Amino acid sequence: MASNEVLSRDFVTRLKKYTREKNREVIDPLIPELTLDAFEELVDLTAKVRGAYLKQFFYIAEHTEGDFPKGEELKKLQGMREVYEEMIAAHQALETAVERGYLTVKQG
């Protein structure tokens, strides 16, 4: 039983190493030089999308007559939410790729 645990841990260790190497091999060449400045541009874009989404939410709250928002206002908010959620997902995927060593981060 103990030897099976050792084999399992060794397998998991090798699998993680292979996964990290393969992701780095595939992803790193696809991404332009990643610097703090480049990352800041992505964070700025995400913040702008978040702000526009929240601004539309407040607009609806201020201009809704009756109990519920009108169809077009709600559709616009829904579309903005989809963009916002995609931006957040991409941002998180990038952070994960950096944290796991899939991307080369350059100084500057």
PDB file of N, CA and C in Angstrom:
ATOM      1  N   MET A   1       0.812  -1.185   0.000  1.00  0.00           N
ATOM      2  CA  MET A   1       0.000   0.000   0.000  1.00  0.00           C
ATOM      3  C   MET A   1       0.861   1.257   0.000  1.00  0.00           C
ATOM      4  N   ALA A   2       1.901   1.249   0.814  1.00  0.00           N
ATOM      5  CA  ALA A   2       2.770   2.419   0.893  1.00  0.00           C
ATOM      6  C   ALA A   2       3.449   2.678  -0.437  1.00  0.00           C
ATOM      7  N   SER A   3       3.844   1.632  -1.138  1.00  0.00           N
ATOM      8  CA  SER A   3       4.525   1.834  -2.413  1.00  0.00           C
ATOM      9  C   SER A   3       3.566   2.417  -3.451  1.00  0.00           C
ATOM     10  N   ASN A   4       2.282   2.059  -3.376  1.00  0.00           N
ATOM     11  CA  ASN A   4       1.290   2.625  -4.285  1.00  0.00           C
ATOM     12  C   ASN A   4       1.122   4.129  -4.023  1.00  0.00           C
ATOM     13  N   GLU A   5       1.168   4.553  -2.768  1.00  0.00           N
ATOM     14  CA  GLU A   5       1.080   5.969  -2.435  1.00  0.00           C
ATOM     15  C   GLU A   5       2.280   6.724  -2.989  1.00  0.00           C
ATOM     16  N   VAL A   6       3.464   6.108  -2.867  1.00  0.00           N
ATOM     17  CA  VAL A   6       4.678   6.735  -3.408  1.00  0.00           C
ATOM     18  C   VAL A   6       4.567   6.847  -4.918  1.00  0.00           C
ATOM     19  N   LEU A   7       4.110   5.786  -5.566  1.00  0.00           N
ATOM     20  CA  LEU A   7       3.939   5.825  -7.027  1.00  0.00           C
ATOM     21  C   LEU A   7       2.909   6.887  -7.419  1.00  0.00           C
ATOM     22  N   SER A   8       1.837   6.983  -6.673  1.00  0.00           N
ATOM     23  CA  SER A   8       0.809   7.982  -6.974  1.00  0.00           C
ATOM     24  C   SER A   8       1.361   9.391  -6.836  1.00  0.00           C
ATOM     25  N   ARG A   9       2.086   9.660  -5.760  1.00  0.00           N
ATOM     26  CA  ARG A   9       2.673  10.993  -5.567  1.00  0.00           C
ATOM     27  C   ARG A   9       3.678  11.301  -6.664  1.00  0.00           C
ATOM     28  N   ASP A  10       4.480  10.301  -7.028  1.00  0.00           N
ATOM     29  CA  ASP A  10       5.461  10.500  -8.097  1.00  0.00           C
ATOM     30  C   ASP A  10       4.743  10.797  -9.412  1.00  0.00           C
ATOM     31  N   PHE A  11       3.668  10.073  -9.670  1.00  0.00           N
ATOM     32  CA  PHE A  11       2.887  10.302 -10.880  1.00  0.00           C
ATOM     33  C   PHE A  11       2.339  11.727 -10.906  1.00  0.00           C
ATOM     34  N   VAL A  12       1.760  12.148  -9.797  1.00  0.00           N
ATOM     35  CA  VAL A  12       1.180  13.496  -9.721  1.00  0.00           C
ATOM     36  C   VAL A  12       2.268  14.550  -9.906  1.00  0.00           C
ATOM     37  N   THR A  13       3.418  14.355  -9.296  1.00  0.00           N
ATOM     38  CA  THR A  13       4.533  15.292  -9.440  1.00  0.00           C
ATOM     39  C   THR A  13       4.969  15.383 -10.901  1.00  0.00           C
ATOM     40  N   ARG A  14       5.108  14.245 -11.543  1.00  0.00           N
ATOM     41  CA  ARG A  14       5.509  14.224 -12.961  1.00  0.00           C
ATOM     42  C   ARG A  14       4.432  14.853 -13.848  1.00  0.00           C
ATOM     43  N   LEU A  15       3.183  14.574 -13.536  1.00  0.00           N
ATOM     44  CA  LEU A  15       2.083  15.137 -14.316  1.00  0.00           C
ATOM     45  C   LEU A  15       2.058  16.657 -14.200  1.00  0.00           C
ATOM     46  N   LYS A  16       2.239  17.179 -12.997  1.00  0.00           N
ATOM     47  CA  LYS A  16       2.273  18.631 -12.815  1.00  0.00           C
ATOM     48  C   LYS A  16       3.442  19.249 -13.571  1.00  0.00           C
ATOM     49  N   LYS A  17       4.592  18.613 -13.521  1.00  0.00           N
ATOM     50  CA  LYS A  17       5.776  19.124 -14.231  1.00  0.00           C
ATOM     51  C   LYS A  17       5.522  19.121 -15.738  1.00  0.00           C
ATOM     52  N   TYR A  18       4.986  18.018 -16.247  1.00  0.00           N
ATOM     53  CA  TYR A  18       4.700  17.931 -17.675  1.00  0.00           C
ATOM     54  C   TYR A  18       3.669  18.990 -18.080  1.00  0.00           C
ATOM     55  N   THR A  19       2.624  19.151 -17.272  1.00  0.00           N
ATOM     56  CA  THR A  19       1.581  20.138 -17.561  1.00  0.00           C
ATOM     57  C   THR A  19       2.177  21.538 -17.615  1.00  0.00           C
ATOM     58  N   ARG A  20       3.024  21.872 -16.638  1.00  0.00           N
ATOM     59  CA  ARG A  20       3.654  23.198 -16.614  1.00  0.00           C
ATOM     60  C   ARG A  20       4.529  23.389 -17.849  1.00  0.00           C
ATOM     61  N   GLU A  21       5.352  22.394 -18.186  1.00  0.00           N
ATOM     62  CA  GLU A  21       6.245  22.511 -19.344  1.00  0.00           C
ATOM     63  C   GLU A  21       5.465  22.629 -20.651  1.00  0.00           C
ATOM     64  N   LYS A  22       4.423  21.803 -20.806  1.00  0.00           N
ATOM     65  CA  LYS A  22       3.642  21.821 -22.054  1.00  0.00           C
ATOM     66  C   LYS A  22       2.882  23.141 -22.199  1.00  0.00           C
ATOM     67  N   ASN A  23       2.289  23.620 -21.107  1.00  0.00           N
ATOM     68  CA  ASN A  23       1.584  24.906 -21.165  1.00  0.00           C
ATOM     69  C   ASN A  23       2.546  26.035 -21.502  1.00  0.00           C
ATOM     70  N   ARG A  24       3.715  26.027 -20.922  1.00  0.00           N
ATOM     71  CA  ARG A  24       4.703  27.064 -21.212  1.00  0.00           C
ATOM     72  C   ARG A  24       5.130  26.985 -22.678  1.00  0.00           C
ATOM     73  N   GLU A  25       5.372  25.776 -23.160  1.00  0.00           N
ATOM     74  CA  GLU A  25       5.790  25.563 -24.547  1.00  0.00           C
ATOM     75  C   GLU A  25       4.741  26.069 -25.537  1.00  0.00           C
ATOM     76  N   VAL A  26       3.478  25.858 -25.228  1.00  0.00           N
ATOM     77  CA  VAL A  26       2.399  26.234 -26.141  1.00  0.00           C
ATOM     78  C   VAL A  26       1.993  27.701 -25.975  1.00  0.00           C
ATOM     79  N   ILE A  27       1.832  28.151 -24.727  1.00  0.00           N
ATOM     80  CA  ILE A  27       1.267  29.476 -24.471  1.00  0.00           C
ATOM     81  C   ILE A  27       2.283  30.599 -24.617  1.00  0.00           C
ATOM     82  N   ASP A  28       3.473  30.418 -24.087  1.00  0.00           N
ATOM     83  CA  ASP A  28       4.451  31.512 -24.058  1.00  0.00           C
ATOM     84  C   ASP A  28       4.708  32.127 -25.436  1.00  0.00           C
ATOM     85  N   PRO A  29       4.864  31.321 -26.501  1.00  0.00           N
ATOM     86  CA  PRO A  29       5.098  31.938 -27.813  1.00  0.00           C
ATOM     87  C   PRO A  29       3.894  32.706 -28.374  1.00  0.00           C
ATOM     88  N   LEU A  30       2.715  32.430 -27.869  1.00  0.00           N
ATOM     89  CA  LEU A  30       1.504  33.078 -28.379  1.00  0.00           C
ATOM     90  C   LEU A  30       1.278  34.470 -27.818  1.00  0.00           C
ATOM     91  N   ILE A  31       1.895  34.757 -26.687  1.00  0.00           N
ATOM     92  CA  ILE A  31       1.643  36.002 -25.970  1.00  0.00           C
ATOM     93  C   ILE A  31       2.778  36.985 -26.228  1.00  0.00           C
ATOM     94  N   PRO A  32       2.443  38.238 -26.572  1.00  0.00           N
ATOM     95  CA  PRO A  32       3.508  39.221 -26.757  1.00  0.00           C
ATOM     96  C   PRO A  32       4.272  39.431 -25.449  1.00  0.00           C
ATOM     97  N   GLU A  33       5.413  40.056 -25.557  1.00  0.00           N
ATOM     98  CA  GLU A  33       6.248  40.282 -24.381  1.00  0.00           C
ATOM     99  C   GLU A  33       5.408  40.789 -23.220  1.00  0.00           C
ATOM    100  N   LEU A  34       5.449  40.053 -22.118  1.00  0.00           N
ATOM    101  CA  LEU A  34       4.623  40.400 -20.966  1.00  0.00           C
ATOM    102  C   LEU A  34       5.469  41.149 -19.948  1.00  0.00           C
ATOM    103  N   THR A  35       5.147  42.423 -19.818  1.00  0.00           N
ATOM    104  CA  THR A  35       5.824  43.279 -18.850  1.00  0.00           C
ATOM    105  C   THR A  35       4.760  43.838 -17.907  1.00  0.00           C
ATOM    106  N   LEU A  36       5.210  44.490 -16.868  1.00  0.00           N
ATOM    107  CA  LEU A  36       4.269  45.125 -15.951  1.00  0.00           C
ATOM    108  C   LEU A  36       3.444  46.174 -16.693  1.00  0.00           C
ATOM    109  N   ASP A  37       4.066  46.904 -17.610  1.00  0.00           N
ATOM    110  CA  ASP A  37       3.329  47.907 -18.389  1.00  0.00           C
ATOM    111  C   ASP A  37       2.216  47.256 -19.211  1.00  0.00           C
ATOM    112  N   ALA A  38       2.524  46.136 -19.852  1.00  0.00           N
ATOM    113  CA  ALA A  38       1.516  45.435 -20.650  1.00  0.00           C
ATOM    114  C   ALA A  38       0.390  44.931 -19.758  1.00  0.00           C
ATOM    115  N   PHE A  39       0.739  44.407 -18.605  1.00  0.00           N
ATOM    116  CA  PHE A  39      -0.265  43.909 -17.676  1.00  0.00           C
ATOM    117  C   PHE A  39      -1.140  45.055 -17.177  1.00  0.00           C
ATOM    118  N   GLU A  40      -0.529  46.213 -16.937  1.00  0.00           N
ATOM    119  CA  GLU A  40      -1.295  47.379 -16.487  1.00  0.00           C
ATOM    120  C   GLU A  40      -2.319  47.799 -17.535  1.00  0.00           C
ATOM    121  N   GLU A  41      -1.964  47.691 -18.814  1.00  0.00           N
ATOM    122  CA  GLU A  41      -2.918  48.024 -19.877  1.00  0.00           C
ATOM    123  C   GLU A  41      -4.132  47.098 -19.819  1.00  0.00           C
ATOM    124  N   LEU A  42      -3.891  45.824 -19.549  1.00  0.00           N
ATOM    125  CA  LEU A  42      -4.986  44.864 -19.451  1.00  0.00           C
ATOM    126  C   LEU A  42      -5.853  45.145 -18.220  1.00  0.00           C
ATOM    127  N   VAL A  43      -5.224  45.503 -17.127  1.00  0.00           N
ATOM    128  CA  VAL A  43      -5.961  45.849 -15.910  1.00  0.00           C
ATOM    129  C   VAL A  43      -6.793  47.106 -16.148  1.00  0.00           C
ATOM    130  N   ASP A  44      -6.218  48.101 -16.837  1.00  0.00           N
ATOM    131  CA  ASP A  44      -6.947  49.333 -17.162  1.00  0.00           C
ATOM    132  C   ASP A  44      -8.188  49.026 -18.002  1.00  0.00           C
ATOM    133  N   LEU A  45      -8.021  48.170 -19.007  1.00  0.00           N
ATOM    134  CA  LEU A  45      -9.144  47.805 -19.871  1.00  0.00           C
ATOM    135  C   LEU A  45     -10.233  47.105 -19.062  1.00  0.00           C
ATOM    136  N   THR A  46      -9.834  46.198 -18.197  1.00  0.00           N
ATOM    137  CA  THR A  46     -10.800  45.490 -17.358  1.00  0.00           C
ATOM    138  C   THR A  46     -11.535  46.464 -16.449  1.00  0.00           C
ATOM    139  N   ALA A  47     -10.826  47.419 -15.888  1.00  0.00           N
ATOM    140  CA  ALA A  47     -11.457  48.422 -15.021  1.00  0.00           C
ATOM    141  C   ALA A  47     -12.460  49.274 -15.802  1.00  0.00           C
ATOM    142  N   LYS A  48     -12.122  49.626 -17.039  1.00  0.00           N
ATOM    143  CA  LYS A  48     -13.040  50.418 -17.862  1.00  0.00           C
ATOM    144  C   LYS A  48     -14.322  49.645 -18.163  1.00  0.00           C
ATOM    145  N   VAL A  49     -14.165  48.371 -18.472  1.00  0.00           N
ATOM    146  CA  VAL A  49     -15.335  47.536 -18.749  1.00  0.00           C
ATOM    147  C   VAL A  49     -16.191  47.399 -17.489  1.00  0.00           C
ATOM    148  N   ARG A  50     -15.541  47.168 -16.353  1.00  0.00           N
ATOM    149  CA  ARG A  50     -16.262  47.066 -15.080  1.00  0.00           C
ATOM    150  C   ARG A  50     -17.021  48.371 -14.793  1.00  0.00           C
ATOM    151  N   GLY A  51     -16.349  49.490 -15.002  1.00  0.00           N
ATOM    152  CA  GLY A  51     -16.971  50.789 -14.758  1.00  0.00           C
ATOM    153  C   GLY A  51     -18.174  51.027 -15.655  1.00  0.00           C
ATOM    154  N   ALA A  52     -18.059  50.687 -16.927  1.00  0.00           N
ATOM    155  CA  ALA A  52     -19.175  50.884 -17.862  1.00  0.00           C
ATOM    156  C   ALA A  52     -20.367  50.012 -17.476  1.00  0.00           C
ATOM    157  N   TYR A  53     -20.092  48.800 -17.060  1.00  0.00           N
ATOM    158  CA  TYR A  53     -21.155  47.885 -16.628  1.00  0.00           C
ATOM    159  C   TYR A  53     -21.882  48.449 -15.410  1.00  0.00           C
ATOM    160  N   LEU A  54     -21.128  48.894 -14.423  1.00  0.00           N
ATOM    161  CA  LEU A  54     -21.734  49.456 -13.214  1.00  0.00           C
ATOM    162  C   LEU A  54     -22.463  50.767 -13.505  1.00  0.00           C
ATOM    163  N   LYS A  55     -21.903  51.570 -14.402  1.00  0.00           N
ATOM    164  CA  LYS A  55     -22.554  52.832 -14.782  1.00  0.00           C
ATOM    165  C   LYS A  55     -23.924  52.543 -15.394  1.00  0.00           C
ATOM    166  N   GLN A  56     -24.004  51.543 -16.257  1.00  0.00           N
ATOM    167  CA  GLN A  56     -25.285  51.179 -16.873  1.00  0.00           C
ATOM    168  C   GLN A  56     -26.269  50.680 -15.815  1.00  0.00           C
ATOM    169  N   PHE A  57     -25.775  49.950 -14.844  1.00  0.00           N
ATOM    170  CA  PHE A  57     -26.619  49.470 -13.753  1.00  0.00           C
ATOM    171  C   PHE A  57     -27.241  50.646 -13.000  1.00  0.00           C
ATOM    172  N   PHE A  58     -26.418  51.631 -12.678  1.00  0.00           N
ATOM    173  CA  PHE A  58     -26.927  52.805 -11.974  1.00  0.00           C
ATOM    174  C   PHE A  58     -27.876  53.616 -12.856  1.00  0.00           C
ATOM    175  N   TYR A  59     -27.573  53.699 -14.143  1.00  0.00           N
ATOM    176  CA  TYR A  59     -28.450  54.408 -15.068  1.00  0.00           C
ATOM    177  C   TYR A  59     -29.841  53.779 -15.058  1.00  0.00           C
ATOM    178  N   ILE A  60     -29.875  52.461 -15.120  1.00  0.00           N
ATOM    179  CA  ILE A  60     -31.163  51.760 -15.114  1.00  0.00           C
ATOM    180  C   ILE A  60     -31.913  52.039 -13.809  1.00  0.00           C
ATOM    181  N   ALA A  61     -31.188  51.973 -12.707  1.00  0.00           N
ATOM    182  CA  ALA A  61     -31.828  52.210 -11.406  1.00  0.00           C
ATOM    183  C   ALA A  61     -32.435  53.606 -11.330  1.00  0.00           C
ATOM    184  N   GLU A  62     -31.760  54.586 -11.915  1.00  0.00           N
ATOM    185  CA  GLU A  62     -32.242  55.973 -11.857  1.00  0.00           C
ATOM    186  C   GLU A  62     -33.381  56.245 -12.840  1.00  0.00           C
ATOM    187  N   HIS A  63     -33.443  55.498 -13.934  1.00  0.00           N
ATOM    188  CA  HIS A  63     -34.396  55.812 -15.001  1.00  0.00           C
ATOM    189  C   HIS A  63     -35.506  54.778 -15.179  1.00  0.00           C
ATOM    190  N   THR A  64     -35.578  53.827 -14.302  1.00  0.00           N
ATOM    191  CA  THR A  64     -36.617  52.813 -14.430  1.00  0.00           C
ATOM    192  C   THR A  64     -37.924  53.346 -13.865  1.00  0.00           C
ATOM    193  N   GLU A  65     -38.946  53.248 -14.676  1.00  0.00           N
ATOM    194  CA  GLU A  65     -40.284  53.631 -14.225  1.00  0.00           C
ATOM    195  C   GLU A  65     -41.032  52.342 -13.890  1.00  0.00           C
ATOM    196  N   GLY A  66     -41.594  52.291 -12.716  1.00  0.00           N
ATOM    197  CA  GLY A  66     -42.278  51.069 -12.295  1.00  0.00           C
ATOM    198  C   GLY A  66     -41.318  50.148 -11.568  1.00  0.00           C
ATOM    199  N   ASP A  67     -41.657  48.880 -11.540  1.00  0.00           N
ATOM    200  CA  ASP A  67     -40.888  47.922 -10.735  1.00  0.00           C
ATOM    201  C   ASP A  67     -39.685  47.324 -11.452  1.00  0.00           C
ATOM    202  N   PHE A  68     -39.711  47.249 -12.777  1.00  0.00           N
ATOM    203  CA  PHE A  68     -38.676  46.523 -13.514  1.00  0.00           C
ATOM    204  C   PHE A  68     -38.101  47.364 -14.645  1.00  0.00           C
ATOM    205  N   PRO A  69     -36.848  47.116 -14.991  1.00  0.00           N
ATOM    206  CA  PRO A  69     -36.249  47.822 -16.137  1.00  0.00           C
ATOM    207  C   PRO A  69     -36.926  47.421 -17.445  1.00  0.00           C
ATOM    208  N   LYS A  70     -36.845  48.316 -18.413  1.00  0.00           N
ATOM    209  CA  LYS A  70     -37.402  48.043 -19.737  1.00  0.00           C
ATOM    210  C   LYS A  70     -36.508  47.044 -20.487  1.00  0.00           C
ATOM    211  N   GLY A  71     -37.063  46.384 -21.470  1.00  0.00           N
ATOM    212  CA  GLY A  71     -36.366  45.340 -22.214  1.00  0.00           C
ATOM    213  C   GLY A  71     -35.040  45.766 -22.816  1.00  0.00           C
ATOM    214  N   GLU A  72     -35.010  46.899 -23.504  1.00  0.00           N
ATOM    215  CA  GLU A  72     -33.780  47.349 -24.162  1.00  0.00           C
ATOM    216  C   GLU A  72     -32.692  47.704 -23.142  1.00  0.00           C
ATOM    217  N   GLU A  73     -33.084  48.334 -22.059  1.00  0.00           N
ATOM    218  CA  GLU A  73     -32.106  48.681 -21.022  1.00  0.00           C
ATOM    219  C   GLU A  73     -31.503  47.422 -20.414  1.00  0.00           C
ATOM    220  N   LEU A  74     -32.356  46.441 -20.188  1.00  0.00           N
ATOM    221  CA  LEU A  74     -31.899  45.180 -19.604  1.00  0.00           C
ATOM    222  C   LEU A  74     -31.002  44.423 -20.581  1.00  0.00           C
ATOM    223  N   LYS A  75     -31.351  44.444 -21.866  1.00  0.00           N
ATOM    224  CA  LYS A  75     -30.521  43.779 -22.875  1.00  0.00           C
ATOM    225  C   LYS A  75     -29.131  44.418 -22.951  1.00  0.00           C
ATOM    226  N   LYS A  76     -29.099  45.736 -22.859  1.00  0.00           N
ATOM    227  CA  LYS A  76     -27.811  46.427 -22.886  1.00  0.00           C
ATOM    228  C   LYS A  76     -26.978  46.036 -21.668  1.00  0.00           C
ATOM    229  N   LEU A  77     -27.603  46.010 -20.496  1.00  0.00           N
ATOM    230  CA  LEU A  77     -26.895  45.614 -19.279  1.00  0.00           C
ATOM    231  C   LEU A  77     -26.409  44.172 -19.383  1.00  0.00           C
ATOM    232  N   GLN A  78     -27.234  43.304 -19.917  1.00  0.00           N
ATOM    233  CA  GLN A  78     -26.851  41.906 -20.080  1.00  0.00           C
ATOM    234  C   GLN A  78     -25.640  41.774 -20.998  1.00  0.00           C
ATOM    235  N   GLY A  79     -25.648  42.493 -22.099  1.00  0.00           N
ATOM    236  CA  GLY A  79     -24.510  42.457 -23.016  1.00  0.00           C
ATOM    237  C   GLY A  79     -23.238  42.961 -22.347  1.00  0.00           C
ATOM    238  N   MET A  80     -23.381  44.012 -21.567  1.00  0.00           N
ATOM    239  CA  MET A  80     -22.209  44.560 -20.869  1.00  0.00           C
ATOM    240  C   MET A  80     -21.700  43.582 -19.804  1.00  0.00           C
ATOM    241  N   ARG A  81     -22.631  42.864 -19.161  1.00  0.00           N
ATOM    242  CA  ARG A  81     -22.217  41.862 -18.179  1.00  0.00           C
ATOM    243  C   ARG A  81     -21.425  40.746 -18.846  1.00  0.00           C
ATOM    244  N   GLU A  82     -21.870  40.321 -20.016  1.00  0.00           N
ATOM    245  CA  GLU A  82     -21.157  39.267 -20.732  1.00  0.00           C
ATOM    246  C   GLU A  82     -19.739  39.706 -21.074  1.00  0.00           C
ATOM    247  N   VAL A  83     -19.589  40.938 -21.520  1.00  0.00           N
ATOM    248  CA  VAL A  83     -18.256  41.465 -21.813  1.00  0.00           C
ATOM    249  C   VAL A  83     -17.425  41.516 -20.534  1.00  0.00           C
ATOM    250  N   TYR A  84     -18.018  42.030 -19.474  1.00  0.00           N
ATOM    251  CA  TYR A  84     -17.331  42.127 -18.177  1.00  0.00           C
ATOM    252  C   TYR A  84     -16.883  40.748 -17.689  1.00  0.00           C
ATOM    253  N   GLU A  85     -17.786  39.770 -17.737  1.00  0.00           N
ATOM    254  CA  GLU A  85     -17.433  38.427 -17.264  1.00  0.00           C
ATOM    255  C   GLU A  85     -16.320  37.807 -18.105  1.00  0.00           C
ATOM    256  N   GLU A  86     -16.324  38.043 -19.398  1.00  0.00           N
ATOM    257  CA  GLU A  86     -15.253  37.532 -20.255  1.00  0.00           C
ATOM    258  C   GLU A  86     -13.921  38.185 -19.914  1.00  0.00           C
ATOM    259  N   MET A  87     -13.958  39.483 -19.661  1.00  0.00           N
ATOM    260  CA  MET A  87     -12.729  40.198 -19.300  1.00  0.00           C
ATOM    261  C   MET A  87     -12.167  39.668 -17.981  1.00  0.00           C
ATOM    262  N   ILE A  88     -13.039  39.447 -17.007  1.00  0.00           N
ATOM    263  CA  ILE A  88     -12.604  38.925 -15.719  1.00  0.00           C
ATOM    264  C   ILE A  88     -12.034  37.513 -15.892  1.00  0.00           C
ATOM    265  N   ALA A  89     -12.686  36.687 -16.678  1.00  0.00           N
ATOM    266  CA  ALA A  89     -12.200  35.317 -16.907  1.00  0.00           C
ATOM    267  C   ALA A  89     -10.830  35.340 -17.587  1.00  0.00           C
ATOM    268  N   ALA A  90     -10.672  36.211 -18.578  1.00  0.00           N
ATOM    269  CA  ALA A  90      -9.379  36.309 -19.267  1.00  0.00           C
ATOM    270  C   ALA A  90      -8.305  36.829 -18.322  1.00  0.00           C
ATOM    271  N   HIS A  91      -8.658  37.816 -17.508  1.00  0.00           N
ATOM    272  CA  HIS A  91      -7.722  38.378 -16.534  1.00  0.00           C
ATOM    273  C   HIS A  91      -7.266  37.294 -15.558  1.00  0.00           C
ATOM    274  N   GLN A  92      -8.201  36.507 -15.056  1.00  0.00           N
ATOM    275  CA  GLN A  92      -7.861  35.435 -14.130  1.00  0.00           C
ATOM    276  C   GLN A  92      -7.018  34.354 -14.804  1.00  0.00           C
ATOM    277  N   ALA A  93      -7.325  34.049 -16.057  1.00  0.00           N
ATOM    278  CA  ALA A  93      -6.544  33.055 -16.795  1.00  0.00           C
ATOM    279  C   ALA A  93      -5.107  33.533 -16.980  1.00  0.00           C
ATOM    280  N   LEU A  94      -4.938  34.817 -17.236  1.00  0.00           N
ATOM    281  CA  LEU A  94      -3.591  35.370 -17.378  1.00  0.00           C
ATOM    282  C   LEU A  94      -2.832  35.301 -16.057  1.00  0.00           C
ATOM    283  N   GLU A  95      -3.484  35.697 -14.975  1.00  0.00           N
ATOM    284  CA  GLU A  95      -2.837  35.617 -13.661  1.00  0.00           C
ATOM    285  C   GLU A  95      -2.418  34.181 -13.347  1.00  0.00           C
ATOM    286  N   THR A  96      -3.294  33.237 -13.622  1.00  0.00           N
ATOM    287  CA  THR A  96      -2.979  31.835 -13.379  1.00  0.00           C
ATOM    288  C   THR A  96      -1.787  31.388 -14.217  1.00  0.00           C
ATOM    289  N   ALA A  97      -1.764  31.793 -15.476  1.00  0.00           N
ATOM    290  CA  ALA A  97      -0.650  31.428 -16.356  1.00  0.00           C
ATOM    291  C   ALA A  97       0.675  31.985 -15.838  1.00  0.00           C
ATOM    292  N   VAL A  98       0.640  33.203 -15.329  1.00  0.00           N
ATOM    293  CA  VAL A  98       1.855  33.815 -14.765  1.00  0.00           C
ATOM    294  C   VAL A  98       2.256  33.074 -13.495  1.00  0.00           C
ATOM    295  N   GLU A  99       1.294  32.863 -12.599  1.00  0.00           N
ATOM    296  CA  GLU A  99       1.582  32.202 -11.325  1.00  0.00           C
ATOM    297  C   GLU A  99       2.155  30.802 -11.514  1.00  0.00           C
ATOM    298  N   ARG A 100       1.689  30.102 -12.530  1.00  0.00           N
ATOM    299  CA  ARG A 100       2.121  28.717 -12.767  1.00  0.00           C
ATOM    300  C   ARG A 100       3.367  28.624 -13.637  1.00  0.00           C
ATOM    301  N   GLY A 101       3.872  29.776 -14.065  1.00  0.00           N
ATOM    302  CA  GLY A 101       5.095  29.765 -14.860  1.00  0.00           C
ATOM    303  C   GLY A 101       4.912  29.427 -16.322  1.00  0.00           C
ATOM    304  N   TYR A 102       3.691  29.591 -16.837  1.00  0.00           N
ATOM    305  CA  TYR A 102       3.438  29.308 -18.241  1.00  0.00           C
ATOM    306  C   TYR A 102       3.912  30.411 -19.154  1.00  0.00           C
ATOM    307  N   LEU A 103       4.135  31.599 -18.595  1.00  0.00           N
ATOM    308  CA  LEU A 103       4.541  32.761 -19.374  1.00  0.00           C
ATOM    309  C   LEU A 103       5.829  33.370 -18.826  1.00  0.00           C
ATOM    310  N   THR A 104       6.612  33.897 -19.724  1.00  0.00           N
ATOM    311  CA  THR A 104       7.810  34.624 -19.333  1.00  0.00           C
ATOM    312  C   THR A 104       7.411  36.066 -19.034  1.00  0.00           C
ATOM    313  N   VAL A 105       7.741  36.517 -17.864  1.00  0.00           N
ATOM    314  CA  VAL A 105       7.484  37.909 -17.490  1.00  0.00           C
ATOM    315  C   VAL A 105       8.799  38.645 -17.522  1.00  0.00           C
ATOM    316  N   LYS A 106       8.829  39.744 -18.268  1.00  0.00           N
ATOM    317  CA  LYS A 106      10.054  40.512 -18.416  1.00  0.00           C
ATOM    318  C   LYS A 106      10.028  41.739 -17.533  1.00  0.00           C
ATOM    319  N   GLN A 107      11.184  42.180 -17.123  1.00  0.00           N
ATOM    320  CA  GLN A 107      11.297  43.418 -16.338  1.00  0.00           C
ATOM    321  C   GLN A 107      10.996  44.609 -17.231  1.00  0.00           C
ATOM    322  N   GLY A 108      10.403  45.636 -16.637  1.00  0.00           N
ATOM    323  CA  GLY A 108      10.189  46.859 -17.393  1.00  0.00           C
ATOM    324  C   GLY A 108       8.785  47.247 -17.541  1.00  0.00           C
TER     325      GLY A 108
END
